[in-house]
Amino acid sequence: MKILIADSMHSSLFNMLEEKGWEYAYHPQYRREDIKVALPEYDGLMIRSKTYLDREMLENAGKLRFIARAGAGLDLIDLSVAKERQIEVFHAGTGNRDAVAEHALGMLLALFNNILKADREVRNGIWDREGNRGVELMNKTVGIIGYGNNGTATAKRLTGFGCRVLAYDKYRDHYGDEFAEESSVEQIMAEADILSLHIPLTEISRYWIDENFIEQFSKPFYLVNLSRGEIVKLGAVVNGLQSGKILGACLDVLENEKIAKLTPSQQASFDYLRSSDNVVLTPHIGGWTHESYVRINEVLVKQIANWL
């Protein structure tokens, strides 16, 4: 079996593949056309987020038996084409769930306790205790939309802070557990103090969180997004912050993450968000830890081996 690795991977992957006796070619420098030309020679493709794997990319890959995505999201793979061509698709949904959950808690705690603002002020010689009085996470009601690997791991940690967790998942039934109550979007809108998103990007979820969605909440709330940026309209978040309907936002992902190439409206929204003390921003690193880098490889190799 020959595997093309067309993205940067942690070096731990290579020993894992060699132990299985699988042949591989490591070409992290490959771009879309390079991958397209090379694919007909390979049985497997391992990738992170280099390019969209659509019909054009896969139509001549006659030998390709599987695609392994070193991450959780599958929005860069045309799953219908893969299924049509009988190409198995693997992803490392369990590989970074702990990292995502810890990052979500870290962002919330930083926001609630004014940690970033206070740090900047102290470094500039400002010692303002009252202006940085915090809010406790304890006893807050958290609505989690998307109760898969990341949502479940986040709920588990929130319960340690005494939070009540309401979970909604469109694709599951009977998923309530010791960490969360099975809920509806309507119940979350009526009762949640915090909304945390852990859902894939699909045509249904794209820009789901807009002005109308936000206005349906019965009380002001905090927004956390560690899923995909295009699920949330940044302009709607800005409007929500300005109106007071959104009390604060933790955004690990953005509508457009190429921040040097924002549209004028996106730039205006981004300028507001980055200047707000009620917003915590990170560059899509929610699952990006040293430990998860290795664990993702372990998960993928195990899945492929079990399938074979």
C-alpha atoms as a PDB file:
ATOM      1  CA  MET A   1       0.000   0.000   0.000  1.00  0.00           C
ATOM      2  CA  LYS A   2       1.307   3.444  -0.984  1.00  0.00           C
ATOM      3  CA  ILE A   3       0.199   6.569   0.859  1.00  0.00           C
ATOM      4  CA  LEU A   4       0.677  10.158  -0.235  1.00  0.00           C
ATOM      5  CA  ILE A   5       1.125  12.553   2.697  1.00  0.00           C
ATOM      6  CA  ALA A   6       0.426  15.953   1.162  1.00  0.00           C
ATOM      7  CA  ASP A   7       0.483  18.176   4.238  1.00  0.00           C
ATOM      8  CA  SER A   8       2.758  18.917   7.177  1.00  0.00           C
ATOM      9  CA  MET A   9       2.492  16.160   9.772  1.00  0.00           C
ATOM     10  CA  HIS A  10       4.093  15.460  13.136  1.00  0.00           C
ATOM     11  CA  SER A  11       7.152  13.246  12.748  1.00  0.00           C
ATOM     12  CA  SER A  12       5.565  10.582  14.992  1.00  0.00           C
ATOM     13  CA  LEU A  13       3.427   9.554  12.010  1.00  0.00           C
ATOM     14  CA  PHE A  14       6.325   8.126  10.033  1.00  0.00           C
ATOM     15  CA  ASN A  15       7.336   5.534  12.643  1.00  0.00           C
ATOM     16  CA  MET A  16       3.689   4.495  12.990  1.00  0.00           C
ATOM     17  CA  LEU A  17       3.396   3.905   9.236  1.00  0.00           C
ATOM     18  CA  GLU A  18       6.712   2.063   9.052  1.00  0.00           C
ATOM     19  CA  GLU A  19       5.700  -0.230  11.922  1.00  0.00           C
ATOM     20  CA  LYS A  20       2.650  -1.220   9.866  1.00  0.00           C
ATOM     21  CA  GLY A  21       4.790  -1.857   6.815  1.00  0.00           C
ATOM     22  CA  TRP A  22       3.028   0.817   4.775  1.00  0.00           C
ATOM     23  CA  GLU A  23       4.937   2.681   2.081  1.00  0.00           C
ATOM     24  CA  TYR A  24       4.544   6.457   2.061  1.00  0.00           C
ATOM     25  CA  ALA A  25       5.761   9.557   0.264  1.00  0.00           C
ATOM     26  CA  TYR A  26       5.936  12.773   2.275  1.00  0.00           C
ATOM     27  CA  HIS A  27       5.334  15.888   0.156  1.00  0.00           C
ATOM     28  CA  PRO A  28       4.080  18.698   2.430  1.00  0.00           C
ATOM     29  CA  GLN A  29       5.060  21.233  -0.231  1.00  0.00           C
ATOM     30  CA  TYR A  30       2.545  19.871  -2.746  1.00  0.00           C
ATOM     31  CA  ARG A  31      -0.191  22.208  -3.895  1.00  0.00           C
ATOM     32  CA  ARG A  32      -3.518  21.361  -5.513  1.00  0.00           C
ATOM     33  CA  GLU A  33      -2.202  20.563  -8.999  1.00  0.00           C
ATOM     34  CA  ASP A  34       0.701  18.536  -7.603  1.00  0.00           C
ATOM     35  CA  ILE A  35      -1.692  16.413  -5.559  1.00  0.00           C
ATOM     36  CA  LYS A  36      -4.023  15.942  -8.507  1.00  0.00           C
ATOM     37  CA  VAL A  37      -1.192  14.744 -10.760  1.00  0.00           C
ATOM     38  CA  ALA A  38       0.282  12.425  -8.133  1.00  0.00           C
ATOM     39  CA  LEU A  39      -2.912  10.809  -6.789  1.00  0.00           C
ATOM     40  CA  PRO A  40      -3.362   8.101  -9.483  1.00  0.00           C
ATOM     41  CA  GLU A  41      -0.276   6.333  -8.112  1.00  0.00           C
ATOM     42  CA  TYR A  42      -1.501   6.049  -4.527  1.00  0.00           C
ATOM     43  CA  ASP A  43      -3.837   3.872  -2.476  1.00  0.00           C
ATOM     44  CA  GLY A  44      -4.218   6.409   0.320  1.00  0.00           C
ATOM     45  CA  LEU A  45      -4.059  10.163   0.864  1.00  0.00           C
ATOM     46  CA  MET A  46      -3.301  11.857   4.183  1.00  0.00           C
ATOM     47  CA  ILE A  47      -4.023  15.568   4.411  1.00  0.00           C
ATOM     48  CA  ARG A  48      -4.870  18.349   6.857  1.00  0.00           C
ATOM     49  CA  SER A  49      -6.538  21.309   5.127  1.00  0.00           C
ATOM     50  CA  LYS A  50      -4.439  21.839   2.029  1.00  0.00           C
ATOM     51  CA  THR A  51      -7.145  21.820  -0.633  1.00  0.00           C
ATOM     52  CA  TYR A  52     -10.740  20.907  -1.387  1.00  0.00           C
ATOM     53  CA  LEU A  53     -11.002  17.282  -2.455  1.00  0.00           C
ATOM     54  CA  ASP A  54     -13.755  17.512  -5.047  1.00  0.00           C
ATOM     55  CA  ARG A  55     -14.662  15.556  -8.173  1.00  0.00           C
ATOM     56  CA  GLU A  56     -11.949  17.228 -10.221  1.00  0.00           C
ATOM     57  CA  MET A  57      -9.321  16.102  -7.699  1.00  0.00           C
ATOM     58  CA  LEU A  58     -10.586  12.550  -7.344  1.00  0.00           C
ATOM     59  CA  GLU A  59     -11.856  11.618 -10.813  1.00  0.00           C
ATOM     60  CA  ASN A  60      -8.504  10.213 -12.022  1.00  0.00           C
ATOM     61  CA  ALA A  61      -7.446   8.678  -8.701  1.00  0.00           C
ATOM     62  CA  GLY A  62      -8.380   5.173  -9.787  1.00  0.00           C
ATOM     63  CA  LYS A  63      -6.320   3.389  -7.125  1.00  0.00           C
ATOM     64  CA  LEU A  64      -7.315   5.602  -4.205  1.00  0.00           C
ATOM     65  CA  ARG A  65      -8.925   3.529  -1.433  1.00  0.00           C
ATOM     66  CA  PHE A  66      -8.991   6.025   1.428  1.00  0.00           C
ATOM     67  CA  ILE A  67      -8.551   9.633   2.510  1.00  0.00           C
ATOM     68  CA  ALA A  68      -7.335  10.307   6.051  1.00  0.00           C
ATOM     69  CA  ARG A  69      -7.938  13.816   7.370  1.00  0.00           C
ATOM     70  CA  ALA A  70      -5.624  14.788  10.221  1.00  0.00           C
ATOM     71  CA  GLY A  71      -8.283  16.772  12.039  1.00  0.00           C
ATOM     72  CA  ALA A  72     -11.944  16.675  12.946  1.00  0.00           C
ATOM     73  CA  GLY A  73     -13.776  18.570  10.171  1.00  0.00           C
ATOM     74  CA  LEU A  74     -14.661  17.023   6.818  1.00  0.00           C
ATOM     75  CA  ASP A  75     -15.933  20.145   5.063  1.00  0.00           C
ATOM     76  CA  LEU A  76     -12.959  20.109   2.648  1.00  0.00           C
ATOM     77  CA  ILE A  77     -13.884  16.673   1.299  1.00  0.00           C
ATOM     78  CA  ASP A  78     -16.795  16.101  -1.082  1.00  0.00           C
ATOM     79  CA  LEU A  79     -18.183  13.108   0.781  1.00  0.00           C
ATOM     80  CA  SER A  80     -20.742  12.289  -1.918  1.00  0.00           C
ATOM     81  CA  VAL A  81     -17.981  11.926  -4.527  1.00  0.00           C
ATOM     82  CA  ALA A  82     -15.879   9.840  -2.141  1.00  0.00           C
ATOM     83  CA  LYS A  83     -18.827   7.538  -1.492  1.00  0.00           C
ATOM     84  CA  GLU A  84     -19.597   7.272  -5.208  1.00  0.00           C
ATOM     85  CA  ARG A  85     -16.000   6.231  -5.876  1.00  0.00           C
ATOM     86  CA  GLN A  86     -15.965   3.867  -2.874  1.00  0.00           C
ATOM     87  CA  ILE A  87     -13.217   5.838  -1.157  1.00  0.00           C
ATOM     88  CA  GLU A  88     -13.214   5.400   2.609  1.00  0.00           C
ATOM     89  CA  VAL A  89     -12.878   8.627   4.606  1.00  0.00           C
ATOM     90  CA  PHE A  90     -11.251   8.778   8.037  1.00  0.00           C
ATOM     91  CA  HIS A  91     -10.895  11.689  10.403  1.00  0.00           C
ATOM     92  CA  ALA A  92      -9.377  12.146  13.846  1.00  0.00           C
ATOM     93  CA  GLY A  93     -12.423  13.397  15.709  1.00  0.00           C
ATOM     94  CA  THR A  94     -11.222  11.941  18.998  1.00  0.00           C
ATOM     95  CA  GLY A  95      -7.648  13.084  18.502  1.00  0.00           C
ATOM     96  CA  ASN A  96      -8.069  16.718  19.521  1.00  0.00           C
ATOM     97  CA  ARG A  97     -11.267  16.696  21.583  1.00  0.00           C
ATOM     98  CA  ASP A  98      -9.445  17.210  24.885  1.00  0.00           C
ATOM     99  CA  ALA A  99      -7.437  20.073  23.429  1.00  0.00           C
ATOM    100  CA  VAL A 100     -10.602  21.735  22.100  1.00  0.00           C
ATOM    101  CA  ALA A 101     -12.391  21.352  25.426  1.00  0.00           C
ATOM    102  CA  GLU A 102      -9.503  22.814  27.402  1.00  0.00           C
ATOM    103  CA  HIS A 103      -9.214  25.704  24.953  1.00  0.00           C
ATOM    104  CA  ALA A 104     -12.926  26.475  25.272  1.00  0.00           C
ATOM    105  CA  LEU A 105     -12.623  26.626  29.054  1.00  0.00           C
ATOM    106  CA  GLY A 106      -9.479  28.713  28.812  1.00  0.00           C
ATOM    107  CA  MET A 107     -11.141  31.263  26.556  1.00  0.00           C
ATOM    108  CA  LEU A 108     -14.205  31.495  28.797  1.00  0.00           C
ATOM    109  CA  LEU A 109     -12.145  31.938  31.939  1.00  0.00           C
ATOM    110  CA  ALA A 110     -10.006  34.584  30.263  1.00  0.00           C
ATOM    111  CA  LEU A 111     -13.137  36.456  29.170  1.00  0.00           C
ATOM    112  CA  PHE A 112     -15.021  36.153  32.462  1.00  0.00           C
ATOM    113  CA  ASN A 113     -12.048  37.232  34.563  1.00  0.00           C
ATOM    114  CA  ASN A 114     -10.751  39.997  32.265  1.00  0.00           C
ATOM    115  CA  ILE A 115      -7.395  38.224  32.156  1.00  0.00           C
ATOM    116  CA  LEU A 116      -6.251  39.625  28.814  1.00  0.00           C
ATOM    117  CA  LYS A 117      -7.385  43.169  29.600  1.00  0.00           C
ATOM    118  CA  ALA A 118      -5.894  43.111  33.102  1.00  0.00           C
ATOM    119  CA  ASP A 119      -2.607  41.714  31.802  1.00  0.00           C
ATOM    120  CA  ARG A 120      -2.285  44.539  29.270  1.00  0.00           C
ATOM    121  CA  GLU A 121      -3.090  47.137  31.916  1.00  0.00           C
ATOM    122  CA  VAL A 122      -0.637  45.836  34.509  1.00  0.00           C
ATOM    123  CA  ARG A 123       2.125  45.741  31.896  1.00  0.00           C
ATOM    124  CA  ASN A 124       1.368  49.426  31.295  1.00  0.00           C
ATOM    125  CA  GLY A 125       1.478  50.322  34.974  1.00  0.00           C
ATOM    126  CA  ILE A 126      -2.290  50.356  35.551  1.00  0.00           C
ATOM    127  CA  TRP A 127      -3.458  48.602  38.743  1.00  0.00           C
ATOM    128  CA  ASP A 128      -7.260  48.579  38.374  1.00  0.00           C
ATOM    129  CA  ARG A 129      -8.885  45.944  40.564  1.00  0.00           C
ATOM    130  CA  GLU A 130     -12.486  47.167  40.464  1.00  0.00           C
ATOM    131  CA  GLY A 131     -12.457  47.715  36.700  1.00  0.00           C
ATOM    132  CA  ASN A 132     -11.455  44.094  36.268  1.00  0.00           C
ATOM    133  CA  ARG A 133     -13.907  42.486  38.683  1.00  0.00           C
ATOM    134  CA  GLY A 134     -14.785  39.119  37.152  1.00  0.00           C
ATOM    135  CA  VAL A 135     -17.811  36.928  36.557  1.00  0.00           C
ATOM    136  CA  GLU A 136     -17.913  33.348  37.851  1.00  0.00           C
ATOM    137  CA  LEU A 137     -18.497  30.417  35.545  1.00  0.00           C
ATOM    138  CA  MET A 138     -19.993  28.505  38.477  1.00  0.00           C
ATOM    139  CA  ASN A 139     -23.731  27.763  38.145  1.00  0.00           C
ATOM    140  CA  LYS A 140     -24.037  29.139  34.612  1.00  0.00           C
ATOM    141  CA  THR A 141     -26.297  27.326  32.144  1.00  0.00           C
ATOM    142  CA  VAL A 142     -24.343  26.410  29.013  1.00  0.00           C
ATOM    143  CA  GLY A 143     -25.994  25.433  25.738  1.00  0.00           C
ATOM    144  CA  ILE A 144     -23.835  23.180  23.585  1.00  0.00           C
ATOM    145  CA  ILE A 145     -24.877  22.729  19.966  1.00  0.00           C
ATOM    146  CA  GLY A 146     -23.163  19.680  18.537  1.00  0.00           C
ATOM    147  CA  TYR A 147     -22.740  16.889  21.063  1.00  0.00           C
ATOM    148  CA  GLY A 148     -20.090  14.769  19.402  1.00  0.00           C
ATOM    149  CA  ASN A 149     -16.466  14.329  20.451  1.00  0.00           C
ATOM    150  CA  ASN A 150     -15.691  17.993  21.117  1.00  0.00           C
ATOM    151  CA  GLY A 151     -19.070  18.888  22.580  1.00  0.00           C
ATOM    152  CA  THR A 152     -19.004  15.959  24.976  1.00  0.00           C
ATOM    153  CA  ALA A 153     -15.452  16.671  26.127  1.00  0.00           C
ATOM    154  CA  THR A 154     -16.375  20.322  26.723  1.00  0.00           C
ATOM    155  CA  ALA A 155     -19.491  19.396  28.704  1.00  0.00           C
ATOM    156  CA  LYS A 156     -17.455  17.046  30.888  1.00  0.00           C
ATOM    157  CA  ARG A 157     -15.168  19.889  31.920  1.00  0.00           C
ATOM    158  CA  LEU A 158     -17.973  22.393  32.395  1.00  0.00           C
ATOM    159  CA  THR A 159     -19.687  20.155  34.925  1.00  0.00           C
ATOM    160  CA  GLY A 160     -16.520  20.409  37.003  1.00  0.00           C
ATOM    161  CA  PHE A 161     -17.287  24.111  37.322  1.00  0.00           C
ATOM    162  CA  GLY A 162     -20.800  23.469  38.558  1.00  0.00           C
ATOM    163  CA  CYS A 163     -22.418  24.368  35.243  1.00  0.00           C
ATOM    164  CA  ARG A 164     -25.720  23.027  34.012  1.00  0.00           C
ATOM    165  CA  VAL A 165     -25.249  21.885  30.416  1.00  0.00           C
ATOM    166  CA  LEU A 166     -27.986  21.660  27.783  1.00  0.00           C
ATOM    167  CA  ALA A 167     -26.965  19.797  24.634  1.00  0.00           C
ATOM    168  CA  TYR A 168     -28.548  19.686  21.194  1.00  0.00           C
ATOM    169  CA  ASP A 169     -27.396  17.465  18.349  1.00  0.00           C
ATOM    170  CA  LYS A 170     -29.317  17.253  15.078  1.00  0.00           C
ATOM    171  CA  TYR A 171     -27.731  13.920  14.168  1.00  0.00           C
ATOM    172  CA  ARG A 172     -28.138  11.952  17.410  1.00  0.00           C
ATOM    173  CA  ASP A 173     -30.934  10.496  19.541  1.00  0.00           C
ATOM    174  CA  HIS A 174     -30.946   9.689  23.254  1.00  0.00           C
ATOM    175  CA  TYR A 175     -27.558  11.302  23.859  1.00  0.00           C
ATOM    176  CA  GLY A 176     -28.201  12.843  27.265  1.00  0.00           C
ATOM    177  CA  ASP A 177     -25.621  11.678  29.803  1.00  0.00           C
ATOM    178  CA  GLU A 178     -24.092  12.516  33.172  1.00  0.00           C
ATOM    179  CA  PHE A 179     -22.584  15.697  31.746  1.00  0.00           C
ATOM    180  CA  ALA A 180     -25.476  17.177  29.760  1.00  0.00           C
ATOM    181  CA  GLU A 181     -29.250  17.140  29.390  1.00  0.00           C
ATOM    182  CA  GLU A 182     -30.638  16.350  25.935  1.00  0.00           C
ATOM    183  CA  SER A 183     -32.240  19.581  24.830  1.00  0.00           C
ATOM    184  CA  SER A 184     -33.632  21.547  21.901  1.00  0.00           C
ATOM    185  CA  VAL A 185     -32.387  24.727  20.289  1.00  0.00           C
ATOM    186  CA  GLU A 186     -35.494  26.464  21.614  1.00  0.00           C
ATOM    187  CA  GLN A 187     -34.719  25.423  25.204  1.00  0.00           C
ATOM    188  CA  ILE A 188     -31.124  26.599  24.820  1.00  0.00           C
ATOM    189  CA  MET A 189     -32.356  29.951  23.522  1.00  0.00           C
ATOM    190  CA  ALA A 190     -34.704  30.263  26.494  1.00  0.00           C
ATOM    191  CA  GLU A 191     -32.331  29.235  29.276  1.00  0.00           C
ATOM    192  CA  ALA A 192     -28.651  29.439  28.315  1.00  0.00           C
ATOM    193  CA  ASP A 193     -26.189  31.983  29.673  1.00  0.00           C
ATOM    194  CA  ILE A 194     -23.499  30.691  27.303  1.00  0.00           C
ATOM    195  CA  LEU A 195     -23.768  29.211  23.803  1.00  0.00           C
ATOM    196  CA  SER A 196     -20.894  26.969  22.682  1.00  0.00           C
ATOM    197  CA  LEU A 197     -20.762  25.690  19.086  1.00  0.00           C
ATOM    198  CA  HIS A 198     -19.233  22.317  18.175  1.00  0.00           C
ATOM    199  CA  ILE A 199     -20.819  21.527  14.801  1.00  0.00           C
ATOM    200  CA  PRO A 200     -19.498  20.787  11.305  1.00  0.00           C
ATOM    201  CA  LEU A 201     -19.757  23.276   8.473  1.00  0.00           C
ATOM    202  CA  THR A 202     -22.513  22.185   6.078  1.00  0.00           C
ATOM    203  CA  GLU A 203     -24.882  23.990   3.754  1.00  0.00           C
ATOM    204  CA  ILE A 204     -27.406  23.921   6.598  1.00  0.00           C
ATOM    205  CA  SER A 205     -25.061  25.325   9.251  1.00  0.00           C
ATOM    206  CA  ARG A 206     -23.345  27.932   7.061  1.00  0.00           C
ATOM    207  CA  TYR A 207     -24.156  31.360   8.569  1.00  0.00           C
ATOM    208  CA  TRP A 208     -26.736  29.738  10.842  1.00  0.00           C
ATOM    209  CA  ILE A 209     -25.786  32.099  13.659  1.00  0.00           C
ATOM    210  CA  ASP A 210     -27.085  35.367  12.264  1.00  0.00           C
ATOM    211  CA  GLU A 211     -29.026  38.378  13.593  1.00  0.00           C
ATOM    212  CA  ASN A 212     -32.304  36.445  13.681  1.00  0.00           C
ATOM    213  CA  PHE A 213     -30.788  33.532  15.584  1.00  0.00           C
ATOM    214  CA  ILE A 214     -29.171  35.821  18.152  1.00  0.00           C
ATOM    215  CA  GLU A 215     -32.331  37.853  18.717  1.00  0.00           C
ATOM    216  CA  GLN A 216     -34.294  34.719  19.601  1.00  0.00           C
ATOM    217  CA  PHE A 217     -32.353  34.302  22.869  1.00  0.00           C
ATOM    218  CA  SER A 218     -34.493  35.300  25.820  1.00  0.00           C
ATOM    219  CA  LYS A 219     -31.612  36.942  27.686  1.00  0.00           C
ATOM    220  CA  PRO A 220     -28.128  38.290  26.950  1.00  0.00           C
ATOM    221  CA  PHE A 221     -25.585  35.495  26.521  1.00  0.00           C
ATOM    222  CA  TYR A 222     -21.939  34.720  25.829  1.00  0.00           C
ATOM    223  CA  LEU A 223     -20.946  33.133  22.497  1.00  0.00           C
ATOM    224  CA  VAL A 224     -18.170  30.553  22.054  1.00  0.00           C
ATOM    225  CA  ASN A 225     -17.186  29.235  18.624  1.00  0.00           C
ATOM    226  CA  LEU A 226     -14.502  26.585  18.239  1.00  0.00           C
ATOM    227  CA  SER A 227     -16.114  24.847  15.255  1.00  0.00           C
ATOM    228  CA  ARG A 228     -15.985  26.628  11.892  1.00  0.00           C
ATOM    229  CA  GLY A 229     -15.917  30.368  11.280  1.00  0.00           C
ATOM    230  CA  GLU A 230     -18.460  30.401   8.479  1.00  0.00           C
ATOM    231  CA  ILE A 231     -21.150  29.133  10.839  1.00  0.00           C
ATOM    232  CA  VAL A 232     -21.257  32.574  12.462  1.00  0.00           C
ATOM    233  CA  LYS A 233     -21.802  35.907  10.722  1.00  0.00           C
ATOM    234  CA  LEU A 234     -19.270  38.272  12.228  1.00  0.00           C
ATOM    235  CA  GLY A 235     -21.479  41.271  11.465  1.00  0.00           C
ATOM    236  CA  ALA A 236     -24.246  39.684  13.525  1.00  0.00           C
ATOM    237  CA  VAL A 237     -21.836  39.188  16.437  1.00  0.00           C
ATOM    238  CA  VAL A 238     -20.823  42.848  16.242  1.00  0.00           C
ATOM    239  CA  ASN A 239     -24.475  43.929  16.225  1.00  0.00           C
ATOM    240  CA  GLY A 240     -25.166  41.641  19.170  1.00  0.00           C
ATOM    241  CA  LEU A 241     -22.255  43.073  21.153  1.00  0.00           C
ATOM    242  CA  GLN A 242     -23.325  46.623  20.363  1.00  0.00           C
ATOM    243  CA  SER A 243     -26.939  45.976  21.378  1.00  0.00           C
ATOM    244  CA  GLY A 244     -25.946  44.093  24.526  1.00  0.00           C
ATOM    245  CA  LYS A 245     -27.627  40.855  23.425  1.00  0.00           C
ATOM    246  CA  ILE A 246     -24.191  39.247  23.284  1.00  0.00           C
ATOM    247  CA  LEU A 247     -22.278  39.937  26.497  1.00  0.00           C
ATOM    248  CA  GLY A 248     -18.979  38.634  25.161  1.00  0.00           C
ATOM    249  CA  ALA A 249     -17.520  36.316  22.549  1.00  0.00           C
ATOM    250  CA  CYS A 250     -14.767  33.697  22.442  1.00  0.00           C
ATOM    251  CA  LEU A 251     -13.851  33.128  18.792  1.00  0.00           C
ATOM    252  CA  ASP A 252     -11.187  30.618  17.803  1.00  0.00           C
ATOM    253  CA  VAL A 253     -12.399  30.691  14.193  1.00  0.00           C
ATOM    254  CA  LEU A 254     -13.479  33.510  11.904  1.00  0.00           C
ATOM    255  CA  GLU A 255     -15.762  33.880   8.912  1.00  0.00           C
ATOM    256  CA  ASN A 256     -12.651  34.611   6.838  1.00  0.00           C
ATOM    257  CA  GLU A 257      -9.379  33.476   8.395  1.00  0.00           C
ATOM    258  CA  LYS A 258      -7.237  35.082   5.710  1.00  0.00           C
ATOM    259  CA  ILE A 259      -7.158  38.275   7.739  1.00  0.00           C
ATOM    260  CA  ALA A 260      -4.925  40.052   5.217  1.00  0.00           C
ATOM    261  CA  LYS A 261      -7.642  39.577   2.567  1.00  0.00           C
ATOM    262  CA  LEU A 262     -10.876  40.573   4.285  1.00  0.00           C
ATOM    263  CA  THR A 263     -13.726  42.204   2.416  1.00  0.00           C
ATOM    264  CA  PRO A 264     -14.552  45.775   3.519  1.00  0.00           C
ATOM    265  CA  SER A 265     -17.496  44.572   5.632  1.00  0.00           C
ATOM    266  CA  GLN A 266     -15.446  41.755   7.154  1.00  0.00           C
ATOM    267  CA  GLN A 267     -12.663  44.219   7.926  1.00  0.00           C
ATOM    268  CA  ALA A 268     -15.084  46.547   9.692  1.00  0.00           C
ATOM    269  CA  SER A 269     -16.400  43.671  11.817  1.00  0.00           C
ATOM    270  CA  PHE A 270     -12.906  42.416  12.578  1.00  0.00           C
ATOM    271  CA  ASP A 271     -11.708  45.885  13.576  1.00  0.00           C
ATOM    272  CA  TYR A 272     -14.562  46.152  16.068  1.00  0.00           C
ATOM    273  CA  LEU A 273     -13.952  42.676  17.503  1.00  0.00           C
ATOM    274  CA  ARG A 274     -10.209  43.099  17.932  1.00  0.00           C
ATOM    275  CA  SER A 275     -10.664  46.394  19.776  1.00  0.00           C
ATOM    276  CA  SER A 276     -13.313  45.029  22.159  1.00  0.00           C
ATOM    277  CA  ASP A 277     -12.452  43.992  25.724  1.00  0.00           C
ATOM    278  CA  ASN A 278     -15.458  41.648  25.601  1.00  0.00           C
ATOM    279  CA  VAL A 279     -13.932  39.488  22.869  1.00  0.00           C
ATOM    280  CA  VAL A 280     -11.211  36.828  23.073  1.00  0.00           C
ATOM    281  CA  LEU A 281      -9.662  35.841  19.743  1.00  0.00           C
ATOM    282  CA  THR A 282      -7.310  32.970  18.902  1.00  0.00           C
ATOM    283  CA  PRO A 283      -6.040  31.800  15.457  1.00  0.00           C
ATOM    284  CA  HIS A 284      -7.880  28.467  15.048  1.00  0.00           C
ATOM    285  CA  ILE A 285      -5.734  26.706  17.650  1.00  0.00           C
ATOM    286  CA  GLY A 286      -8.511  25.093  19.674  1.00  0.00           C
ATOM    287  CA  GLY A 287      -7.246  21.579  18.961  1.00  0.00           C
ATOM    288  CA  TRP A 288      -3.671  22.618  18.313  1.00  0.00           C
ATOM    289  CA  THR A 289      -1.558  21.188  21.137  1.00  0.00           C
ATOM    290  CA  HIS A 290       1.667  19.188  21.140  1.00  0.00           C
ATOM    291  CA  GLU A 291      -0.238  16.238  22.587  1.00  0.00           C
ATOM    292  CA  SER A 292      -3.068  16.364  20.032  1.00  0.00           C
ATOM    293  CA  TYR A 293      -0.560  16.529  17.171  1.00  0.00           C
ATOM    294  CA  VAL A 294       0.646  13.035  18.115  1.00  0.00           C
ATOM    295  CA  ARG A 295      -2.764  11.702  19.166  1.00  0.00           C
ATOM    296  CA  ILE A 296      -4.329  12.609  15.811  1.00  0.00           C
ATOM    297  CA  ASN A 297      -1.760  10.411  14.060  1.00  0.00           C
ATOM    298  CA  GLU A 298      -2.419   7.544  16.480  1.00  0.00           C
ATOM    299  CA  VAL A 299      -6.164   7.757  15.871  1.00  0.00           C
ATOM    300  CA  LEU A 300      -5.823   7.810  12.080  1.00  0.00           C
ATOM    301  CA  VAL A 301      -3.375   4.918  11.871  1.00  0.00           C
ATOM    302  CA  LYS A 302      -5.525   2.805  14.183  1.00  0.00           C
ATOM    303  CA  GLN A 303      -8.640   3.504  12.097  1.00  0.00           C
ATOM    304  CA  ILE A 304      -6.894   2.600   8.851  1.00  0.00           C
ATOM    305  CA  ALA A 305      -5.415  -0.575  10.340  1.00  0.00           C
ATOM    306  CA  ASN A 306      -8.793  -1.704  11.703  1.00  0.00           C
ATOM    307  CA  TRP A 307     -10.442  -1.023   8.342  1.00  0.00           C
ATOM    308  CA  LEU A 308      -7.795  -3.012   6.472  1.00  0.00           C
END
